[in-house]
N, C-alpha and C. Protein backbone atom coordinates (compact mmCIF):
# COMPACT_ATOMS: atom_id res chain seq x y z
N UNK A 1 5.08 1.68 21.51
CA UNK A 1 6.01 1.25 20.51
C UNK A 1 7.43 1.53 21.00
N UNK A 2 8.30 0.62 20.76
CA UNK A 2 9.68 0.79 21.22
C UNK A 2 10.44 1.72 20.27
N UNK A 3 11.56 2.20 20.75
CA UNK A 3 12.41 3.07 19.95
C UNK A 3 12.89 2.34 18.70
N UNK A 4 13.22 1.07 18.85
CA UNK A 4 13.72 0.28 17.73
C UNK A 4 12.64 0.14 16.65
N UNK A 5 11.40 -0.09 17.07
CA UNK A 5 10.29 -0.22 16.12
C UNK A 5 10.02 1.10 15.40
N UNK A 6 10.11 2.21 16.13
CA UNK A 6 9.91 3.54 15.52
C UNK A 6 10.96 3.81 14.45
N UNK A 7 12.21 3.50 14.76
CA UNK A 7 13.29 3.73 13.80
C UNK A 7 13.12 2.84 12.57
N UNK A 8 12.66 1.61 12.77
CA UNK A 8 12.44 0.71 11.65
C UNK A 8 11.34 1.25 10.74
N UNK A 9 10.24 1.75 11.33
CA UNK A 9 9.16 2.32 10.54
C UNK A 9 9.62 3.56 9.77
N UNK A 10 10.40 4.41 10.42
CA UNK A 10 10.93 5.60 9.75
C UNK A 10 11.80 5.21 8.56
N UNK A 11 12.62 4.18 8.74
CA UNK A 11 13.49 3.71 7.66
C UNK A 11 12.66 3.18 6.50
N UNK A 12 11.61 2.40 6.80
CA UNK A 12 10.75 1.86 5.75
C UNK A 12 10.05 2.99 5.01
N UNK A 13 9.62 4.02 5.73
CA UNK A 13 8.95 5.16 5.10
C UNK A 13 9.91 5.92 4.18
N UNK A 14 11.15 6.09 4.60
CA UNK A 14 12.14 6.77 3.76
C UNK A 14 12.42 5.96 2.49
N UNK A 15 12.53 4.64 2.64
CA UNK A 15 12.77 3.78 1.47
C UNK A 15 11.60 3.86 0.50
N UNK A 16 10.37 3.90 1.05
CA UNK A 16 9.18 4.04 0.22
C UNK A 16 9.23 5.34 -0.57
N UNK A 17 9.54 6.44 0.11
CA UNK A 17 9.56 7.74 -0.56
C UNK A 17 10.62 7.78 -1.66
N UNK A 18 11.73 7.12 -1.44
CA UNK A 18 12.79 7.08 -2.44
C UNK A 18 12.39 6.20 -3.62
N UNK A 19 11.85 5.02 -3.35
CA UNK A 19 11.50 4.06 -4.40
C UNK A 19 10.38 4.58 -5.29
N UNK A 20 9.36 5.21 -4.70
CA UNK A 20 8.21 5.66 -5.46
C UNK A 20 8.26 7.15 -5.80
N UNK A 21 9.38 7.81 -5.49
CA UNK A 21 9.55 9.25 -5.73
C UNK A 21 8.38 10.03 -5.16
N UNK A 22 8.04 9.70 -3.93
CA UNK A 22 6.91 10.31 -3.22
C UNK A 22 7.44 11.44 -2.36
N UNK A 23 6.88 12.62 -2.55
CA UNK A 23 7.32 13.78 -1.77
C UNK A 23 6.25 14.17 -0.77
N UNK A 24 6.67 14.70 0.34
CA UNK A 24 5.73 15.12 1.37
C UNK A 24 5.53 14.05 2.41
N UNK A 25 4.60 14.31 3.32
CA UNK A 25 4.36 13.34 4.39
C UNK A 25 3.41 12.25 3.89
N UNK A 26 3.56 11.08 4.47
CA UNK A 26 2.73 9.94 4.10
C UNK A 26 1.45 10.00 4.93
N UNK A 27 0.34 10.23 4.26
CA UNK A 27 -0.94 10.28 4.95
C UNK A 27 -1.88 9.28 4.31
N UNK A 28 -2.69 8.65 5.13
CA UNK A 28 -3.67 7.67 4.66
C UNK A 28 -4.93 8.43 4.25
N UNK A 29 -5.30 8.31 2.97
CA UNK A 29 -6.48 9.00 2.47
C UNK A 29 -7.75 8.26 2.88
N UNK A 30 -7.75 6.95 2.74
CA UNK A 30 -8.89 6.12 3.08
C UNK A 30 -8.41 4.67 3.17
N UNK A 31 -9.32 3.79 3.53
CA UNK A 31 -9.02 2.36 3.51
C UNK A 31 -9.96 1.69 2.52
N UNK A 32 -9.42 0.70 1.82
CA UNK A 32 -10.22 -0.06 0.87
C UNK A 32 -9.90 -1.54 1.05
N UNK A 33 -10.81 -2.38 0.55
CA UNK A 33 -10.65 -3.82 0.70
C UNK A 33 -10.41 -4.45 -0.67
N UNK A 34 -9.52 -5.44 -0.69
CA UNK A 34 -9.30 -6.21 -1.91
C UNK A 34 -10.52 -7.10 -2.09
N UNK A 35 -11.04 -7.14 -3.30
CA UNK A 35 -12.22 -7.93 -3.62
C UNK A 35 -12.05 -9.38 -3.17
N UNK A 36 -12.97 -9.91 -2.34
CA UNK A 36 -12.85 -11.30 -1.88
C UNK A 36 -12.89 -12.31 -3.01
N UNK A 37 -13.48 -11.93 -4.15
CA UNK A 37 -13.55 -12.84 -5.30
C UNK A 37 -12.28 -12.79 -6.15
N UNK A 38 -11.39 -11.86 -5.86
CA UNK A 38 -10.15 -11.73 -6.64
C UNK A 38 -9.21 -12.89 -6.32
N UNK A 39 -8.42 -13.25 -7.31
CA UNK A 39 -7.43 -14.30 -7.08
C UNK A 39 -6.23 -13.69 -6.38
N UNK A 40 -5.54 -14.49 -5.59
CA UNK A 40 -4.36 -14.00 -4.87
C UNK A 40 -3.26 -13.72 -5.87
N UNK A 41 -2.64 -12.54 -5.73
CA UNK A 41 -1.59 -12.14 -6.67
C UNK A 41 -0.30 -11.88 -5.92
N UNK A 42 0.79 -12.33 -6.52
CA UNK A 42 2.10 -12.05 -5.94
C UNK A 42 2.55 -10.68 -6.40
N UNK A 43 3.32 -10.03 -5.56
CA UNK A 43 3.82 -8.70 -5.89
C UNK A 43 4.94 -8.76 -6.90
N UNK A 44 5.17 -7.64 -7.53
CA UNK A 44 6.26 -7.53 -8.48
C UNK A 44 7.24 -6.48 -8.00
N UNK A 45 7.87 -5.82 -8.93
CA UNK A 45 8.86 -4.80 -8.59
C UNK A 45 8.25 -3.69 -7.73
N UNK A 46 7.15 -3.14 -8.19
CA UNK A 46 6.50 -2.06 -7.44
C UNK A 46 5.05 -2.39 -7.12
N UNK A 47 4.64 -3.63 -7.37
CA UNK A 47 3.27 -4.04 -7.09
C UNK A 47 3.18 -4.71 -5.73
N UNK A 48 2.09 -4.46 -5.05
CA UNK A 48 1.88 -5.01 -3.72
C UNK A 48 1.25 -6.40 -3.83
N UNK A 49 1.74 -7.40 -3.10
CA UNK A 49 1.08 -8.71 -3.11
C UNK A 49 -0.31 -8.59 -2.50
N UNK A 50 -1.28 -9.26 -3.12
CA UNK A 50 -2.67 -9.12 -2.69
C UNK A 50 -3.23 -10.43 -2.15
N UNK A 51 -4.04 -10.29 -1.10
CA UNK A 51 -4.80 -11.41 -0.56
C UNK A 51 -6.27 -11.01 -0.58
N UNK A 52 -7.15 -11.87 -1.06
CA UNK A 52 -8.58 -11.53 -1.09
C UNK A 52 -9.09 -11.16 0.30
N UNK A 53 -9.85 -10.07 0.36
CA UNK A 53 -10.43 -9.61 1.62
C UNK A 53 -9.51 -8.77 2.47
N UNK A 54 -8.30 -8.54 2.05
CA UNK A 54 -7.33 -7.76 2.83
C UNK A 54 -7.72 -6.27 2.81
N UNK A 55 -7.54 -5.61 3.95
CA UNK A 55 -7.80 -4.17 4.07
C UNK A 55 -6.48 -3.43 3.83
N UNK A 56 -6.49 -2.46 2.91
CA UNK A 56 -5.29 -1.70 2.58
C UNK A 56 -5.51 -0.22 2.85
N UNK A 57 -4.44 0.47 3.26
CA UNK A 57 -4.46 1.93 3.42
C UNK A 57 -4.13 2.56 2.07
N UNK A 58 -4.96 3.47 1.61
CA UNK A 58 -4.71 4.16 0.35
C UNK A 58 -3.86 5.39 0.64
N UNK A 59 -2.70 5.45 -0.01
CA UNK A 59 -1.78 6.56 0.16
C UNK A 59 -1.98 7.61 -0.94
N UNK A 60 -2.21 7.14 -2.18
CA UNK A 60 -2.37 8.06 -3.30
C UNK A 60 -3.16 7.40 -4.42
N UNK A 61 -4.10 8.15 -5.01
CA UNK A 61 -4.79 7.70 -6.21
C UNK A 61 -3.92 8.16 -7.39
N UNK A 62 -3.12 7.24 -7.95
CA UNK A 62 -2.11 7.63 -8.93
C UNK A 62 -2.69 7.87 -10.31
N UNK A 63 -3.52 6.97 -10.80
CA UNK A 63 -4.13 7.15 -12.12
C UNK A 63 -5.41 6.31 -12.19
N UNK A 64 -5.97 6.17 -13.38
CA UNK A 64 -7.24 5.45 -13.54
C UNK A 64 -7.10 3.95 -13.32
N UNK A 65 -5.89 3.40 -13.45
CA UNK A 65 -5.71 1.95 -13.33
C UNK A 65 -5.15 1.50 -11.99
N UNK A 66 -4.39 2.36 -11.31
CA UNK A 66 -3.69 1.91 -10.10
C UNK A 66 -3.85 2.88 -8.93
N UNK A 67 -3.67 2.30 -7.74
CA UNK A 67 -3.69 3.06 -6.49
C UNK A 67 -2.43 2.69 -5.72
N UNK A 68 -1.80 3.66 -5.09
CA UNK A 68 -0.64 3.40 -4.24
C UNK A 68 -1.14 3.10 -2.84
N UNK A 69 -0.83 1.90 -2.33
CA UNK A 69 -1.38 1.43 -1.06
C UNK A 69 -0.30 0.91 -0.12
N UNK A 70 -0.71 0.72 1.14
CA UNK A 70 0.15 0.12 2.17
C UNK A 70 -0.66 -0.99 2.84
N UNK A 71 -0.02 -2.14 3.06
CA UNK A 71 -0.72 -3.24 3.72
C UNK A 71 -0.41 -3.26 5.22
N UNK A 72 -0.91 -4.24 5.92
CA UNK A 72 -0.75 -4.31 7.38
C UNK A 72 0.70 -4.56 7.80
N UNK A 73 1.53 -5.08 6.91
CA UNK A 73 2.95 -5.29 7.22
C UNK A 73 3.80 -4.07 6.85
N UNK A 74 3.14 -2.94 6.58
CA UNK A 74 3.77 -1.67 6.21
C UNK A 74 4.58 -1.79 4.92
N UNK A 75 4.14 -2.63 4.01
CA UNK A 75 4.75 -2.72 2.69
C UNK A 75 3.92 -1.85 1.75
N UNK A 76 4.60 -1.19 0.83
CA UNK A 76 3.95 -0.27 -0.09
C UNK A 76 4.01 -0.83 -1.50
N UNK A 77 3.03 -0.44 -2.32
CA UNK A 77 3.06 -0.83 -3.72
C UNK A 77 1.79 -0.44 -4.44
N UNK A 78 1.82 -0.64 -5.75
CA UNK A 78 0.66 -0.33 -6.57
C UNK A 78 -0.32 -1.49 -6.57
N UNK A 79 -1.62 -1.14 -6.61
CA UNK A 79 -2.70 -2.13 -6.63
C UNK A 79 -3.65 -1.73 -7.75
N UNK A 80 -4.11 -2.68 -8.58
CA UNK A 80 -5.08 -2.34 -9.62
C UNK A 80 -6.41 -1.89 -9.02
N UNK A 81 -6.97 -0.82 -9.55
CA UNK A 81 -8.26 -0.32 -9.06
C UNK A 81 -9.37 -1.34 -9.25
N UNK A 82 -9.25 -2.20 -10.27
CA UNK A 82 -10.30 -3.16 -10.60
C UNK A 82 -10.57 -4.16 -9.45
N UNK A 83 -9.59 -4.40 -8.59
CA UNK A 83 -9.77 -5.38 -7.51
C UNK A 83 -10.07 -4.73 -6.16
N UNK A 84 -10.24 -3.41 -6.14
CA UNK A 84 -10.46 -2.70 -4.88
C UNK A 84 -11.94 -2.37 -4.68
N UNK A 85 -12.41 -2.53 -3.44
CA UNK A 85 -13.78 -2.18 -3.07
C UNK A 85 -13.76 -1.18 -1.94
N UNK A 86 -14.66 -0.18 -1.96
CA UNK A 86 -14.72 0.77 -0.85
C UNK A 86 -15.26 0.09 0.40
N UNK A 87 -14.86 0.56 1.56
CA UNK A 87 -15.39 0.01 2.82
C UNK A 87 -16.67 0.70 3.18
């Protein structure tokens, strides 16, 4: 990875921590898949856009309805638990 790419990732991580008031280091707890039968959803203010069958990194289990996740483009957001399947 180049120095420029590392700095860009660090900046994105800092913005994530500020936006979601996340303290501590960002660690991936597990990976989960978006239900292939789910309809494609566009993201909102803090919601992650979803594509059926997409693999997401779980950062935090926030509550009974949502999970804080990161997609392959290193974008962060909340995802409904109802559309997530364990790998």
